[in-house]
N, C-alpha and C. Protein backbone atom coordinates (compact mmCIF):
# COMPACT_ATOMS: atom_id res chain seq x y z
N MET A 1 18.12 -31.04 82.74
CA MET A 1 17.49 -32.32 82.96
C MET A 1 18.21 -33.33 82.05
N THR A 2 18.52 -34.48 82.62
CA THR A 2 19.24 -35.50 81.86
C THR A 2 18.30 -36.22 80.90
N VAL A 3 18.91 -36.84 79.87
CA VAL A 3 18.11 -37.60 78.88
C VAL A 3 17.36 -38.72 79.60
N LYS A 4 18.04 -39.39 80.54
CA LYS A 4 17.42 -40.48 81.27
C LYS A 4 16.19 -39.99 82.06
N ARG A 5 16.33 -38.84 82.67
CA ARG A 5 15.23 -38.28 83.47
C ARG A 5 14.05 -37.88 82.54
N ARG A 6 14.35 -37.26 81.40
CA ARG A 6 13.30 -36.90 80.44
C ARG A 6 12.56 -38.14 79.92
N ALA A 7 13.31 -39.19 79.66
CA ALA A 7 12.71 -40.42 79.17
C ALA A 7 11.79 -41.02 80.23
N ALA A 8 12.22 -40.99 81.48
CA ALA A 8 11.41 -41.52 82.58
C ALA A 8 10.12 -40.74 82.74
N LEU A 9 10.23 -39.40 82.61
CA LEU A 9 9.04 -38.54 82.69
C LEU A 9 8.09 -38.80 81.53
N ALA A 10 8.62 -39.01 80.34
CA ALA A 10 7.80 -39.30 79.17
C ALA A 10 7.04 -40.63 79.34
N VAL A 11 7.75 -41.62 79.84
CA VAL A 11 7.08 -42.92 80.11
C VAL A 11 5.98 -42.79 81.14
N ALA A 12 6.21 -42.00 82.20
CA ALA A 12 5.21 -41.78 83.21
C ALA A 12 4.00 -41.04 82.64
N ALA A 13 4.24 -40.07 81.77
CA ALA A 13 3.13 -39.33 81.17
C ALA A 13 2.27 -40.23 80.28
N VAL A 14 2.89 -41.09 79.50
CA VAL A 14 2.16 -42.03 78.65
C VAL A 14 1.37 -42.99 79.53
N ALA A 15 1.95 -43.49 80.60
CA ALA A 15 1.25 -44.42 81.49
C ALA A 15 0.05 -43.74 82.13
N ALA A 16 0.18 -42.49 82.52
CA ALA A 16 -0.93 -41.75 83.13
C ALA A 16 -2.04 -41.54 82.11
N ALA A 17 -1.69 -41.18 80.89
CA ALA A 17 -2.69 -40.97 79.83
C ALA A 17 -3.43 -42.28 79.52
N THR A 18 -2.69 -43.38 79.47
CA THR A 18 -3.30 -44.69 79.22
C THR A 18 -4.26 -45.05 80.33
N ALA A 19 -3.89 -44.76 81.58
CA ALA A 19 -4.78 -45.08 82.72
C ALA A 19 -6.06 -44.25 82.63
N MET A 20 -5.99 -43.01 82.19
CA MET A 20 -7.18 -42.18 82.07
C MET A 20 -8.09 -42.72 80.96
N ILE A 21 -7.52 -43.19 79.87
CA ILE A 21 -8.32 -43.74 78.79
C ILE A 21 -9.06 -45.01 79.31
N GLY A 22 -8.37 -45.81 80.09
CA GLY A 22 -8.97 -47.02 80.63
C GLY A 22 -10.06 -46.73 81.66
N ALA A 23 -10.08 -45.52 82.21
CA ALA A 23 -11.07 -45.20 83.23
C ALA A 23 -12.43 -44.88 82.65
N THR A 24 -12.51 -44.64 81.36
CA THR A 24 -13.76 -44.28 80.73
C THR A 24 -14.37 -45.51 80.04
N PRO A 25 -15.53 -45.96 80.45
CA PRO A 25 -16.14 -47.15 79.83
C PRO A 25 -16.73 -46.86 78.47
N ALA A 26 -17.02 -47.90 77.76
CA ALA A 26 -17.66 -47.77 76.44
C ALA A 26 -19.02 -47.12 76.59
N HIS A 27 -19.65 -47.25 77.75
CA HIS A 27 -20.98 -46.73 77.99
C HIS A 27 -21.00 -45.38 78.69
N ALA A 28 -19.93 -44.58 78.55
CA ALA A 28 -19.90 -43.29 79.20
C ALA A 28 -21.07 -42.43 78.75
N ASP A 29 -21.59 -41.64 79.63
CA ASP A 29 -22.78 -40.81 79.41
C ASP A 29 -23.97 -41.67 79.01
N SER A 30 -24.19 -42.73 79.78
CA SER A 30 -25.27 -43.66 79.55
C SER A 30 -26.31 -43.52 80.67
N LEU A 31 -27.51 -43.92 80.39
CA LEU A 31 -28.55 -44.01 81.42
C LEU A 31 -28.56 -45.44 81.95
N CYS A 32 -28.43 -45.60 83.25
CA CYS A 32 -28.39 -46.92 83.88
C CYS A 32 -29.44 -46.96 84.99
N ASN A 33 -29.59 -48.12 85.56
CA ASN A 33 -30.42 -48.30 86.79
C ASN A 33 -29.51 -48.87 87.87
N VAL A 34 -29.97 -48.70 89.12
CA VAL A 34 -29.25 -49.26 90.23
C VAL A 34 -29.97 -50.51 90.75
N ASN A 35 -29.19 -51.52 91.15
CA ASN A 35 -29.77 -52.81 91.52
C ASN A 35 -30.16 -52.91 93.00
N GLN A 36 -29.92 -51.84 93.76
CA GLN A 36 -30.29 -51.79 95.18
C GLN A 36 -30.32 -50.32 95.61
N ASN A 37 -30.88 -50.05 96.77
CA ASN A 37 -30.84 -48.69 97.30
C ASN A 37 -29.36 -48.27 97.34
N THR A 38 -29.05 -47.14 96.73
CA THR A 38 -27.65 -46.75 96.54
C THR A 38 -27.41 -45.31 96.99
N TRP A 39 -26.44 -45.15 97.85
CA TRP A 39 -26.04 -43.81 98.29
C TRP A 39 -25.17 -43.19 97.22
N VAL A 40 -25.44 -41.95 96.86
CA VAL A 40 -24.59 -41.17 95.98
C VAL A 40 -23.73 -40.33 96.91
N ARG A 41 -22.41 -40.39 96.72
CA ARG A 41 -21.46 -39.74 97.63
C ARG A 41 -20.71 -38.61 96.95
N ASN A 42 -20.21 -37.68 97.72
CA ASN A 42 -19.46 -36.54 97.15
C ASN A 42 -18.06 -36.92 96.71
N ALA A 43 -17.58 -38.07 97.10
CA ALA A 43 -16.27 -38.60 96.69
C ALA A 43 -16.32 -40.11 96.98
N PRO A 44 -15.43 -40.89 96.36
CA PRO A 44 -15.42 -42.30 96.70
C PRO A 44 -15.26 -42.47 98.23
N ASN A 45 -16.16 -43.20 98.86
CA ASN A 45 -16.19 -43.41 100.30
C ASN A 45 -16.44 -42.10 101.07
N GLY A 46 -16.92 -41.05 100.40
CA GLY A 46 -17.18 -39.76 101.04
C GLY A 46 -18.53 -39.66 101.69
N ALA A 47 -18.92 -38.41 101.93
CA ALA A 47 -20.20 -38.13 102.59
C ALA A 47 -21.37 -38.44 101.61
N VAL A 48 -22.47 -38.90 102.17
CA VAL A 48 -23.66 -39.23 101.38
C VAL A 48 -24.39 -37.93 101.02
N LEU A 49 -24.69 -37.81 99.71
CA LEU A 49 -25.44 -36.65 99.22
C LEU A 49 -26.94 -36.97 99.18
N TYR A 50 -27.29 -38.13 98.67
CA TYR A 50 -28.68 -38.56 98.56
C TYR A 50 -28.71 -40.05 98.22
N THR A 51 -29.91 -40.65 98.22
CA THR A 51 -30.08 -42.07 97.93
C THR A 51 -30.93 -42.23 96.66
N ILE A 52 -30.52 -43.18 95.82
CA ILE A 52 -31.33 -43.57 94.69
C ILE A 52 -31.96 -44.91 95.03
N PRO A 53 -33.28 -45.02 95.00
CA PRO A 53 -33.93 -46.29 95.36
C PRO A 53 -33.65 -47.38 94.32
N ALA A 54 -33.73 -48.63 94.76
CA ALA A 54 -33.52 -49.80 93.87
C ALA A 54 -34.37 -49.62 92.60
N GLY A 55 -33.76 -49.81 91.44
CA GLY A 55 -34.44 -49.66 90.16
C GLY A 55 -34.42 -48.24 89.64
N GLY A 56 -33.97 -47.28 90.46
CA GLY A 56 -33.92 -45.89 90.04
C GLY A 56 -32.84 -45.62 89.00
N GLY A 57 -32.97 -44.50 88.32
CA GLY A 57 -32.02 -44.18 87.23
C GLY A 57 -30.79 -43.45 87.72
N PHE A 58 -29.69 -43.63 86.99
CA PHE A 58 -28.40 -42.99 87.25
C PHE A 58 -27.77 -42.67 85.91
N ARG A 59 -27.50 -41.37 85.66
CA ARG A 59 -26.80 -40.97 84.42
C ARG A 59 -25.31 -41.15 84.67
N LEU A 60 -24.73 -42.18 84.04
CA LEU A 60 -23.32 -42.52 84.17
C LEU A 60 -22.48 -41.63 83.27
N LEU A 61 -21.55 -40.89 83.86
CA LEU A 61 -20.64 -40.06 83.08
C LEU A 61 -19.31 -40.75 82.84
N TRP A 62 -18.80 -41.43 83.87
CA TRP A 62 -17.58 -42.27 83.70
C TRP A 62 -17.45 -43.22 84.89
N THR A 63 -16.60 -44.24 84.68
CA THR A 63 -16.27 -45.19 85.75
C THR A 63 -14.78 -45.18 85.91
N GLU A 64 -14.32 -45.10 87.16
CA GLU A 64 -12.89 -45.08 87.49
C GLU A 64 -12.39 -46.51 87.72
N ALA A 65 -11.11 -46.66 87.52
CA ALA A 65 -10.47 -47.98 87.72
C ALA A 65 -10.63 -48.46 89.17
N SER A 66 -10.88 -47.53 90.09
CA SER A 66 -11.05 -47.89 91.50
C SER A 66 -12.40 -48.58 91.79
N GLY A 67 -13.28 -48.64 90.76
CA GLY A 67 -14.57 -49.29 90.92
C GLY A 67 -15.70 -48.35 91.29
N TRP A 68 -15.45 -47.06 91.22
CA TRP A 68 -16.49 -46.07 91.48
C TRP A 68 -16.96 -45.45 90.19
N SER A 69 -18.26 -45.24 90.08
CA SER A 69 -18.86 -44.59 88.89
C SER A 69 -19.29 -43.20 89.28
N TYR A 70 -19.15 -42.27 88.35
CA TYR A 70 -19.47 -40.86 88.57
C TYR A 70 -20.64 -40.46 87.69
N GLY A 71 -21.59 -39.77 88.23
CA GLY A 71 -22.75 -39.31 87.48
C GLY A 71 -23.79 -38.75 88.44
N HIS A 72 -25.07 -38.86 88.09
CA HIS A 72 -26.10 -38.28 88.92
C HIS A 72 -27.45 -38.98 88.75
N GLY A 73 -28.26 -38.83 89.78
CA GLY A 73 -29.64 -39.29 89.72
C GLY A 73 -30.44 -38.21 88.98
N ASN A 74 -31.72 -38.48 88.79
CA ASN A 74 -32.60 -37.56 88.04
C ASN A 74 -32.61 -36.16 88.65
N SER A 75 -32.04 -35.19 87.91
CA SER A 75 -32.02 -33.78 88.33
C SER A 75 -31.35 -33.59 89.69
N ARG A 76 -30.38 -34.43 90.03
CA ARG A 76 -29.67 -34.34 91.29
C ARG A 76 -28.21 -34.01 91.06
N PRO A 77 -27.48 -33.62 92.10
CA PRO A 77 -26.05 -33.29 91.94
C PRO A 77 -25.21 -34.53 91.53
N ASN A 78 -24.14 -34.27 90.84
CA ASN A 78 -23.20 -35.35 90.49
C ASN A 78 -22.53 -35.93 91.74
N GLY A 79 -22.24 -37.22 91.66
CA GLY A 79 -21.55 -37.88 92.77
C GLY A 79 -21.11 -39.25 92.34
N TYR A 80 -20.61 -40.02 93.30
CA TYR A 80 -20.00 -41.35 93.07
C TYR A 80 -20.86 -42.44 93.67
N ILE A 81 -20.96 -43.57 92.96
CA ILE A 81 -21.60 -44.77 93.46
C ILE A 81 -20.72 -45.96 93.10
N PRO A 82 -20.83 -47.09 93.83
CA PRO A 82 -20.06 -48.28 93.43
C PRO A 82 -20.51 -48.76 92.07
N ALA A 83 -19.57 -49.03 91.18
CA ALA A 83 -19.91 -49.47 89.80
C ALA A 83 -20.73 -50.75 89.80
N GLY A 84 -20.54 -51.59 90.80
CA GLY A 84 -21.27 -52.85 90.89
C GLY A 84 -22.77 -52.67 91.11
N HIS A 85 -23.21 -51.48 91.43
CA HIS A 85 -24.65 -51.25 91.66
C HIS A 85 -25.39 -50.92 90.38
N LEU A 86 -24.69 -50.82 89.25
CA LEU A 86 -25.32 -50.43 88.00
C LEU A 86 -25.70 -51.61 87.13
N TYR A 87 -26.82 -51.49 86.40
CA TYR A 87 -27.17 -52.49 85.41
C TYR A 87 -28.00 -51.82 84.32
N GLY A 88 -28.18 -52.48 83.19
CA GLY A 88 -29.04 -51.99 82.13
C GLY A 88 -28.63 -50.69 81.50
N CYS A 89 -27.34 -50.42 81.46
CA CYS A 89 -26.87 -49.14 80.87
C CYS A 89 -27.11 -49.14 79.36
N HIS A 90 -27.61 -48.02 78.87
CA HIS A 90 -27.84 -47.87 77.44
C HIS A 90 -27.70 -46.39 77.04
């Protein structure tokens, strides 16, 4: 492998690591509420697992740069919801 190729791979690895750090909000593993009836999905834009009613709780584990938050409703399976549906995280 050439020096130029190794340098390019190192830069790509640092960029990927930086992107992962940016994907985790300061409020990771927080309890939040949803501002409207919200479908929890198995993947971003995936199949609906269940619905959290407006005002219901959501345990936020992380938020991705794509605008999707990952976590779960009360005693429910983990899934994804739009980050814009969250408020009152603490």
